[in-house]
Amino acid sequence: MAELAGAVWRKSTRSGDNGGACVEVADNLPGLVAVRDSKDPAGPALIFPVRAWAVFVRTTKP
């Protein structure tokens, strides 16, 4: 997927040490934030506009 070329993935700070079942985020893409399952790095990723991601994170934080 061309949108993900150059993506730098990092493990979510909310992911624990649970055998690799983690969420990874790439937030270095122009205007986009991508989210994927660390167990399937070649699999699909969810892609959000930066503003939508910011709203999601803000509204889901405790």
Protein backbone atom coordinates (compact mmCIF):
# COMPACT_ATOMS: atom_id res chain seq x y z
CA MET A 1 0.00 0.00 0.00
CA ALA A 2 1.61 3.25 -1.14
CA GLU A 3 0.27 5.25 1.82
CA LEU A 4 2.34 3.11 4.19
CA ALA A 5 5.67 3.42 2.37
CA GLY A 6 8.09 4.85 4.92
CA ALA A 7 5.88 4.04 7.91
CA VAL A 8 7.79 3.79 11.18
CA TRP A 9 5.86 1.46 13.47
CA ARG A 10 5.94 1.63 17.25
CA LYS A 11 4.21 -0.44 19.89
CA SER A 12 1.32 1.20 21.67
CA THR A 13 2.10 2.34 25.20
CA ARG A 14 -1.07 0.48 26.26
CA SER A 15 0.17 -2.86 24.92
CA GLY A 16 1.52 -5.11 27.62
CA ASP A 17 3.93 -8.01 27.63
CA ASN A 18 1.32 -10.52 26.52
CA GLY A 19 3.05 -12.70 23.98
CA GLY A 20 3.04 -10.35 21.02
CA ALA A 21 -0.64 -9.43 20.96
CA CYS A 22 0.07 -5.74 20.50
CA VAL A 23 -1.21 -2.77 18.58
CA GLU A 24 1.37 -0.87 16.53
CA VAL A 25 0.98 2.71 15.37
CA ALA A 26 2.76 4.63 12.62
CA ASP A 27 2.25 8.36 13.14
CA ASN A 28 5.07 9.66 10.95
CA LEU A 29 3.03 9.68 7.73
CA PRO A 30 1.92 13.00 6.23
CA GLY A 31 -1.71 13.54 7.28
CA LEU A 32 -2.29 9.90 8.26
CA VAL A 33 -2.00 7.58 11.24
CA ALA A 34 -1.88 3.83 10.60
CA VAL A 35 -2.70 1.08 13.11
CA ARG A 36 -1.94 -2.64 12.74
CA ASP A 37 -1.74 -5.90 14.66
CA SER A 38 1.86 -6.73 15.61
CA LYS A 39 1.16 -10.45 15.06
CA ASP A 40 0.47 -9.79 11.36
CA PRO A 41 2.73 -6.94 10.18
CA ALA A 42 2.10 -7.79 6.52
CA GLY A 43 -1.65 -7.83 7.08
CA PRO A 44 -4.15 -5.00 6.81
CA ALA A 45 -3.80 -1.71 8.63
CA LEU A 46 -6.44 0.79 9.65
CA ILE A 47 -5.66 4.25 8.29
CA PHE A 48 -7.03 7.39 9.93
CA PRO A 49 -6.74 11.08 9.11
CA VAL A 50 -4.61 12.74 11.82
CA ARG A 51 -7.55 14.74 13.22
CA ALA A 52 -9.79 11.66 13.46
CA TRP A 53 -7.02 9.76 15.27
CA ALA A 54 -6.52 12.64 17.70
CA VAL A 55 -10.25 12.67 18.51
CA PHE A 56 -10.26 8.88 18.95
CA VAL A 57 -7.29 8.94 21.33
CA ARG A 58 -8.62 11.92 23.29
CA THR A 59 -12.07 10.38 23.76
CA THR A 60 -10.83 6.91 24.72
CA LYS A 61 -8.23 7.92 27.31
CA PRO A 62 -9.41 7.37 30.89
